[in-house]
Amino acid sequence: MPIILSKDAAKSLSRINEPDYSRIKTAIAKIPAGNIKRLVNASSSYRLRVGNWRILFDMRNVISINEILPRGSAYKN
């Protein structure tokens, strides 16, 4: 399945330090394997947990990564 990063996700990824950056890139490449859960009240939205980072994405015909956020701010509205 093709993977597309949003503008916000690419910007967040560019600001992450090198060890976390490589772990996140590896985890994204292995989707749908990993610590993935469906988000509540969202039909096709999921989260991937990588250490203290959360990758929020939609999975339909394409995996669309919307945000890459630290754990504490990932689920706040």
PDB file of N, CA and C in Angstrom:
ATOM      1  N   MET A   1       0.843  -1.177   0.000  1.00  0.00           N
ATOM      2  CA  MET A   1       0.000   0.000   0.000  1.00  0.00           C
ATOM      3  C   MET A   1       0.892   1.246   0.000  1.00  0.00           C
ATOM      4  N   PRO A   2       0.629   2.210  -0.861  1.00  0.00           N
ATOM      5  CA  PRO A   2       1.442   3.430  -0.888  1.00  0.00           C
ATOM      6  C   PRO A   2       1.241   4.267   0.380  1.00  0.00           C
ATOM      7  N   ILE A   3       2.289   4.984   0.768  1.00  0.00           N
ATOM      8  CA  ILE A   3       2.263   5.824   1.965  1.00  0.00           C
ATOM      9  C   ILE A   3       2.483   7.273   1.549  1.00  0.00           C
ATOM     10  N   ILE A   4       1.598   8.166   2.016  1.00  0.00           N
ATOM     11  CA  ILE A   4       1.680   9.589   1.704  1.00  0.00           C
ATOM     12  C   ILE A   4       1.789  10.368   3.006  1.00  0.00           C
ATOM     13  N   LEU A   5       2.767  11.273   3.090  1.00  0.00           N
ATOM     14  CA  LEU A   5       2.919  12.142   4.255  1.00  0.00           C
ATOM     15  C   LEU A   5       2.281  13.489   3.966  1.00  0.00           C
ATOM     16  N   SER A   6       1.515  13.995   4.925  1.00  0.00           N
ATOM     17  CA  SER A   6       0.958  15.338   4.786  1.00  0.00           C
ATOM     18  C   SER A   6       2.070  16.356   4.992  1.00  0.00           C
ATOM     19  N   LYS A   7       1.783  17.596   4.669  1.00  0.00           N
ATOM     20  CA  LYS A   7       2.760  18.663   4.838  1.00  0.00           C
ATOM     21  C   LYS A   7       3.143  18.813   6.314  1.00  0.00           C
ATOM     22  N   ASP A   8       2.153  18.727   7.221  1.00  0.00           N
ATOM     23  CA  ASP A   8       2.414  18.835   8.663  1.00  0.00           C
ATOM     24  C   ASP A   8       3.269  17.676   9.167  1.00  0.00           C
ATOM     25  N   ALA A   9       2.984  16.465   8.693  1.00  0.00           N
ATOM     26  CA  ALA A   9       3.751  15.299   9.123  1.00  0.00           C
ATOM     27  C   ALA A   9       5.192  15.387   8.643  1.00  0.00           C
ATOM     28  N   ALA A  10       5.405  15.819   7.419  1.00  0.00           N
ATOM     29  CA  ALA A  10       6.767  15.952   6.894  1.00  0.00           C
ATOM     30  C   ALA A  10       7.544  17.011   7.661  1.00  0.00           C
ATOM     31  N   LYS A  11       6.882  18.101   8.020  1.00  0.00           N
ATOM     32  CA  LYS A  11       7.531  19.166   8.788  1.00  0.00           C
ATOM     33  C   LYS A  11       7.909  18.666  10.185  1.00  0.00           C
ATOM     34  N   SER A  12       7.006  17.942  10.833  1.00  0.00           N
ATOM     35  CA  SER A  12       7.300  17.381  12.155  1.00  0.00           C
ATOM     36  C   SER A  12       8.442  16.390  12.089  1.00  0.00           C
ATOM     37  N   LEU A  13       8.437  15.558  11.071  1.00  0.00           N
ATOM     38  CA  LEU A  13       9.476  14.544  10.920  1.00  0.00           C
ATOM     39  C   LEU A  13      10.846  15.169  10.707  1.00  0.00           C
ATOM     40  N   SER A  14      10.905  16.293  10.021  1.00  0.00           N
ATOM     41  CA  SER A  14      12.187  16.940   9.771  1.00  0.00           C
ATOM     42  C   SER A  14      12.789  17.552  11.036  1.00  0.00           C
ATOM     43  N   ARG A  15      11.964  17.797  12.051  1.00  0.00           N
ATOM     44  CA  ARG A  15      12.432  18.417  13.290  1.00  0.00           C
ATOM     45  C   ARG A  15      12.802  17.409  14.384  1.00  0.00           C
ATOM     46  N   ILE A  16      12.597  16.129  14.140  1.00  0.00           N
ATOM     47  CA  ILE A  16      12.853  15.095  15.146  1.00  0.00           C
ATOM     48  C   ILE A  16      14.331  14.711  15.122  1.00  0.00           C
ATOM     49  N   ASN A  17      14.883  14.437  16.324  1.00  0.00           N
ATOM     50  CA  ASN A  17      16.305  14.076  16.405  1.00  0.00           C
ATOM     51  C   ASN A  17      16.580  12.747  15.697  1.00  0.00           C
ATOM     52  N   GLU A  18      17.830  12.488  15.363  1.00  0.00           N
ATOM     53  CA  GLU A  18      18.213  11.370  14.499  1.00  0.00           C
ATOM     54  C   GLU A  18      17.807   9.990  15.011  1.00  0.00           C
ATOM     55  N   PRO A  19      18.047   9.624  16.271  1.00  0.00           N
ATOM     56  CA  PRO A  19      17.644   8.265  16.683  1.00  0.00           C
ATOM     57  C   PRO A  19      16.136   8.032  16.558  1.00  0.00           C
ATOM     58  N   ASP A  20      15.335   9.014  16.975  1.00  0.00           N
ATOM     59  CA  ASP A  20      13.886   8.877  16.858  1.00  0.00           C
ATOM     60  C   ASP A  20      13.444   8.923  15.407  1.00  0.00           C
ATOM     61  N   TYR A  21      14.090   9.746  14.603  1.00  0.00           N
ATOM     62  CA  TYR A  21      13.771   9.857  13.178  1.00  0.00           C
ATOM     63  C   TYR A  21      13.908   8.505  12.482  1.00  0.00           C
ATOM     64  N   SER A  22      15.006   7.826  12.715  1.00  0.00           N
ATOM     65  CA  SER A  22      15.220   6.535  12.045  1.00  0.00           C
ATOM     66  C   SER A  22      14.238   5.483  12.543  1.00  0.00           C
ATOM     67  N   ARG A  23      13.899   5.501  13.845  1.00  0.00           N
ATOM     68  CA  ARG A  23      12.917   4.548  14.374  1.00  0.00           C
ATOM     69  C   ARG A  23      11.543   4.796  13.771  1.00  0.00           C
ATOM     70  N   ILE A  24      11.170   6.069  13.629  1.00  0.00           N
ATOM     71  CA  ILE A  24       9.866   6.413  13.071  1.00  0.00           C
ATOM     72  C   ILE A  24       9.798   6.038  11.593  1.00  0.00           C
ATOM     73  N   LYS A  25      10.840   6.346  10.836  1.00  0.00           N
ATOM     74  CA  LYS A  25      10.855   5.995   9.409  1.00  0.00           C
ATOM     75  C   LYS A  25      10.742   4.487   9.213  1.00  0.00           C
ATOM     76  N   THR A  26      11.437   3.699  10.043  1.00  0.00           N
ATOM     77  CA  THR A  26      11.360   2.244   9.953  1.00  0.00           C
ATOM     78  C   THR A  26       9.958   1.756  10.282  1.00  0.00           C
ATOM     79  N   ALA A  27       9.357   2.317  11.330  1.00  0.00           N
ATOM     80  CA  ALA A  27       8.007   1.917  11.728  1.00  0.00           C
ATOM     81  C   ALA A  27       6.978   2.264  10.660  1.00  0.00           C
ATOM     82  N   ILE A  28       7.120   3.430  10.035  1.00  0.00           N
ATOM     83  CA  ILE A  28       6.195   3.832   8.977  1.00  0.00           C
ATOM     84  C   ILE A  28       6.306   2.886   7.787  1.00  0.00           C
ATOM     85  N   ALA A  29       7.498   2.485   7.455  1.00  0.00           N
ATOM     86  CA  ALA A  29       7.702   1.581   6.324  1.00  0.00           C
ATOM     87  C   ALA A  29       7.081   0.205   6.573  1.00  0.00           C
ATOM     88  N   LYS A  30       6.938  -0.188   7.848  1.00  0.00           N
ATOM     89  CA  LYS A  30       6.403  -1.508   8.188  1.00  0.00           C
ATOM     90  C   LYS A  30       4.894  -1.514   8.424  1.00  0.00           C
ATOM     91  N   ILE A  31       4.212  -0.363   8.259  1.00  0.00           N
ATOM     92  CA  ILE A  31       2.757  -0.335   8.437  1.00  0.00           C
ATOM     93  C   ILE A  31       2.157  -1.345   7.474  1.00  0.00           C
ATOM     94  N   PRO A  32       1.263  -2.194   7.857  1.00  0.00           N
ATOM     95  CA  PRO A  32       0.348  -2.242   8.981  1.00  0.00           C
ATOM     96  C   PRO A  32       0.849  -3.056  10.168  1.00  0.00           C
ATOM     97  N   ALA A  33       2.097  -3.491  10.196  1.00  0.00           N
ATOM     98  CA  ALA A  33       2.635  -4.161  11.375  1.00  0.00           C
ATOM     99  C   ALA A  33       3.001  -3.111  12.413  1.00  0.00           C
ATOM    100  N   GLY A  34       3.083  -3.516  13.652  1.00  0.00           N
ATOM    101  CA  GLY A  34       3.460  -2.584  14.708  1.00  0.00           C
ATOM    102  C   GLY A  34       2.341  -2.390  15.709  1.00  0.00           C
ATOM    103  N   ASN A  35       2.533  -1.464  16.614  1.00  0.00           N
ATOM    104  CA  ASN A  35       1.571  -1.183  17.668  1.00  0.00           C
ATOM    105  C   ASN A  35       0.531  -0.193  17.149  1.00  0.00           C
ATOM    106  N   ILE A  36      -0.441  -0.721  16.407  1.00  0.00           N
ATOM    107  CA  ILE A  36      -1.459   0.105  15.761  1.00  0.00           C
ATOM    108  C   ILE A  36      -2.805  -0.138  16.428  1.00  0.00           C
ATOM    109  N   LYS A  37      -3.530   0.944  16.676  1.00  0.00           N
ATOM    110  CA  LYS A  37      -4.893   0.851  17.202  1.00  0.00           C
ATOM    111  C   LYS A  37      -5.779   1.812  16.431  1.00  0.00           C
ATOM    112  N   ARG A  38      -7.043   1.421  16.278  1.00  0.00           N
ATOM    113  CA  ARG A  38      -8.023   2.291  15.648  1.00  0.00           C
ATOM    114  C   ARG A  38      -8.434   3.361  16.650  1.00  0.00           C
ATOM    115  N   LEU A  39      -8.555   4.590  16.196  1.00  0.00           N
ATOM    116  CA  LEU A  39      -8.976   5.680  17.067  1.00  0.00           C
ATOM    117  C   LEU A  39     -10.484   5.611  17.289  1.00  0.00           C
ATOM    118  N   VAL A  40     -10.914   5.961  18.482  1.00  0.00           N
ATOM    119  CA  VAL A  40     -12.329   5.937  18.836  1.00  0.00           C
ATOM    120  C   VAL A  40     -13.081   6.995  18.022  1.00  0.00           C
ATOM    121  N   ASN A  41     -14.265   6.656  17.580  1.00  0.00           N
ATOM    122  CA  ASN A  41     -15.142   7.553  16.816  1.00  0.00           C
ATOM    123  C   ASN A  41     -14.561   7.978  15.478  1.00  0.00           C
ATOM    124  N   ALA A  42     -13.693   7.183  14.913  1.00  0.00           N
ATOM    125  CA  ALA A  42     -13.131   7.486  13.598  1.00  0.00           C
ATOM    126  C   ALA A  42     -13.098   6.182  12.798  1.00  0.00           C
ATOM    127  N   SER A  43     -13.751   6.165  11.669  1.00  0.00           N
ATOM    128  CA  SER A  43     -13.912   4.918  10.928  1.00  0.00           C
ATOM    129  C   SER A  43     -12.620   4.390  10.323  1.00  0.00           C
ATOM    130  N   SER A  44     -11.762   5.273   9.832  1.00  0.00           N
ATOM    131  CA  SER A  44     -10.548   4.786   9.168  1.00  0.00           C
ATOM    132  C   SER A  44      -9.283   5.426   9.722  1.00  0.00           C
ATOM    133  N   SER A  45      -9.354   6.012  10.924  1.00  0.00           N
ATOM    134  CA  SER A  45      -8.193   6.660  11.525  1.00  0.00           C
ATOM    135  C   SER A  45      -7.526   5.737  12.539  1.00  0.00           C
ATOM    136  N   TYR A  46      -6.208   5.724  12.493  1.00  0.00           N
ATOM    137  CA  TYR A  46      -5.430   4.848  13.358  1.00  0.00           C
ATOM    138  C   TYR A  46      -4.281   5.634  13.966  1.00  0.00           C
ATOM    139  N   ARG A  47      -3.636   5.011  14.966  1.00  0.00           N
ATOM    140  CA  ARG A  47      -2.414   5.570  15.520  1.00  0.00           C
ATOM    141  C   ARG A  47      -1.376   4.466  15.588  1.00  0.00           C
ATOM    142  N   LEU A  48      -0.142   4.841  15.342  1.00  0.00           N
ATOM    143  CA  LEU A  48       1.013   3.955  15.463  1.00  0.00           C
ATOM    144  C   LEU A  48       1.881   4.502  16.577  1.00  0.00           C
ATOM    145  N   ARG A  49       2.206   3.673  17.547  1.00  0.00           N
ATOM    146  CA  ARG A  49       3.011   4.108  18.679  1.00  0.00           C
ATOM    147  C   ARG A  49       4.462   3.711  18.446  1.00  0.00           C
ATOM    148  N   VAL A  50       5.354   4.708  18.510  1.00  0.00           N
ATOM    149  CA  VAL A  50       6.791   4.487  18.366  1.00  0.00           C
ATOM    150  C   VAL A  50       7.467   5.225  19.519  1.00  0.00           C
ATOM    151  N   GLY A  51       7.765   4.512  20.607  1.00  0.00           N
ATOM    152  CA  GLY A  51       8.355   5.153  21.778  1.00  0.00           C
ATOM    153  C   GLY A  51       7.417   6.209  22.322  1.00  0.00           C
ATOM    154  N   ASN A  52       7.904   7.440  22.466  1.00  0.00           N
ATOM    155  CA  ASN A  52       7.084   8.546  22.958  1.00  0.00           C
ATOM    156  C   ASN A  52       6.410   9.321  21.837  1.00  0.00           C
ATOM    157  N   TRP A  53       6.446   8.810  20.639  1.00  0.00           N
ATOM    158  CA  TRP A  53       5.850   9.481  19.477  1.00  0.00           C
ATOM    159  C   TRP A  53       4.610   8.735  19.030  1.00  0.00           C
ATOM    160  N   ARG A  54       3.649   9.484  18.477  1.00  0.00           N
ATOM    161  CA  ARG A  54       2.433   8.908  17.921  1.00  0.00           C
ATOM    162  C   ARG A  54       2.291   9.376  16.477  1.00  0.00           C
ATOM    163  N   ILE A  55       2.092   8.418  15.597  1.00  0.00           N
ATOM    164  CA  ILE A  55       1.857   8.708  14.190  1.00  0.00           C
ATOM    165  C   ILE A  55       0.374   8.483  13.940  1.00  0.00           C
ATOM    166  N   LEU A  56      -0.347   9.535  13.600  1.00  0.00           N
ATOM    167  CA  LEU A  56      -1.778   9.452  13.340  1.00  0.00           C
ATOM    168  C   LEU A  56      -1.990   9.383  11.836  1.00  0.00           C
ATOM    169  N   PHE A  57      -2.734   8.364  11.388  1.00  0.00           N
ATOM    170  CA  PHE A  57      -2.892   8.169   9.945  1.00  0.00           C
ATOM    171  C   PHE A  57      -4.251   7.588   9.613  1.00  0.00           C
ATOM    172  N   ASP A  58      -4.616   7.715   8.342  1.00  0.00           N
ATOM    173  CA  ASP A  58      -5.828   7.123   7.792  1.00  0.00           C
ATOM    174  C   ASP A  58      -5.403   5.997   6.864  1.00  0.00           C
ATOM    175  N   MET A  59      -6.198   4.924   6.864  1.00  0.00           N
ATOM    176  CA  MET A  59      -5.858   3.796   6.012  1.00  0.00           C
ATOM    177  C   MET A  59      -7.096   3.404   5.205  1.00  0.00           C
ATOM    178  N   ARG A  60      -7.073   3.751   3.961  1.00  0.00           N
ATOM    179  CA  ARG A  60      -8.130   3.358   3.029  1.00  0.00           C
ATOM    180  C   ARG A  60      -7.437   2.613   1.896  1.00  0.00           C
ATOM    181  N   ASN A  61      -7.428   3.159   0.691  1.00  0.00           N
ATOM    182  CA  ASN A  61      -6.670   2.580  -0.420  1.00  0.00           C
ATOM    183  C   ASN A  61      -5.207   2.979  -0.333  1.00  0.00           C
ATOM    184  N   VAL A  62      -4.959   4.077   0.396  1.00  0.00           N
ATOM    185  CA  VAL A  62      -3.621   4.631   0.579  1.00  0.00           C
ATOM    186  C   VAL A  62      -3.439   4.909   2.064  1.00  0.00           C
ATOM    187  N   ILE A  63      -2.227   4.754   2.568  1.00  0.00           N
ATOM    188  CA  ILE A  63      -1.939   5.130   3.952  1.00  0.00           C
ATOM    189  C   ILE A  63      -1.542   6.601   3.930  1.00  0.00           C
ATOM    190  N   SER A  64      -2.360   7.426   4.559  1.00  0.00           N
ATOM    191  CA  SER A  64      -2.139   8.867   4.575  1.00  0.00           C
ATOM    192  C   SER A  64      -1.758   9.290   5.990  1.00  0.00           C
ATOM    193  N   ILE A  65      -0.479   9.621   6.194  1.00  0.00           N
ATOM    194  CA  ILE A  65      -0.003  10.020   7.510  1.00  0.00           C
ATOM    195  C   ILE A  65      -0.315  11.492   7.702  1.00  0.00           C
ATOM    196  N   ASN A  66      -1.144  11.786   8.715  1.00  0.00           N
ATOM    197  CA  ASN A  66      -1.621  13.140   8.953  1.00  0.00           C
ATOM    198  C   ASN A  66      -0.736  13.916   9.911  1.00  0.00           C
ATOM    199  N   GLU A  67      -0.325  13.284  11.015  1.00  0.00           N
ATOM    200  CA  GLU A  67       0.451  13.987  12.029  1.00  0.00           C
ATOM    201  C   GLU A  67       1.445  13.050  12.696  1.00  0.00           C
ATOM    202  N   ILE A  68       2.569  13.615  13.132  1.00  0.00           N
ATOM    203  CA  ILE A  68       3.556  12.925  13.955  1.00  0.00           C
ATOM    204  C   ILE A  68       3.768  13.824  15.162  1.00  0.00           C
ATOM    205  N   LEU A  69       3.317  13.357  16.325  1.00  0.00           N
ATOM    206  CA  LEU A  69       3.298  14.198  17.517  1.00  0.00           C
ATOM    207  C   LEU A  69       3.889  13.475  18.729  1.00  0.00           C
ATOM    208  N   PRO A  70       4.385  14.238  19.718  1.00  0.00           N
ATOM    209  CA  PRO A  70       4.789  13.618  20.973  1.00  0.00           C
ATOM    210  C   PRO A  70       3.563  13.036  21.687  1.00  0.00           C
ATOM    211  N   ARG A  71       3.800  12.071  22.516  1.00  0.00           N
ATOM    212  CA  ARG A  71       2.711  11.350  23.194  1.00  0.00           C
ATOM    213  C   ARG A  71       1.746  12.274  23.925  1.00  0.00           C
ATOM    214  N   GLY A  72       2.233  13.254  24.641  1.00  0.00           N
ATOM    215  CA  GLY A  72       1.398  14.109  25.466  1.00  0.00           C
ATOM    216  C   GLY A  72       0.418  14.969  24.703  1.00  0.00           C
ATOM    217  N   SER A  73       0.723  15.331  23.484  1.00  0.00           N
ATOM    218  CA  SER A  73      -0.148  16.237  22.734  1.00  0.00           C
ATOM    219  C   SER A  73      -0.858  15.560  21.559  1.00  0.00           C
ATOM    220  N   ALA A  74      -0.702  14.271  21.402  1.00  0.00           N
ATOM    221  CA  ALA A  74      -1.248  13.587  20.236  1.00  0.00           C
ATOM    222  C   ALA A  74      -2.764  13.504  20.230  1.00  0.00           C
ATOM    223  N   TYR A  75      -3.381  13.395  21.396  1.00  0.00           N
ATOM    224  CA  TYR A  75      -4.818  13.140  21.432  1.00  0.00           C
ATOM    225  C   TYR A  75      -5.630  14.338  21.888  1.00  0.00           C
ATOM    226  N   LYS A  76      -5.003  15.474  22.127  1.00  0.00           N
ATOM    227  CA  LYS A  76      -5.719  16.675  22.555  1.00  0.00           C
ATOM    228  C   LYS A  76      -6.383  17.334  21.362  1.00  0.00           C
ATOM    229  N   ASN A  77      -7.549  17.869  21.573  1.00  0.00           N
ATOM    230  CA  ASN A  77      -8.272  18.547  20.477  1.00  0.00           C
ATOM    231  C   ASN A  77      -7.995  20.014  20.486  1.00  0.00           C
TER     232      ASN A  77
END
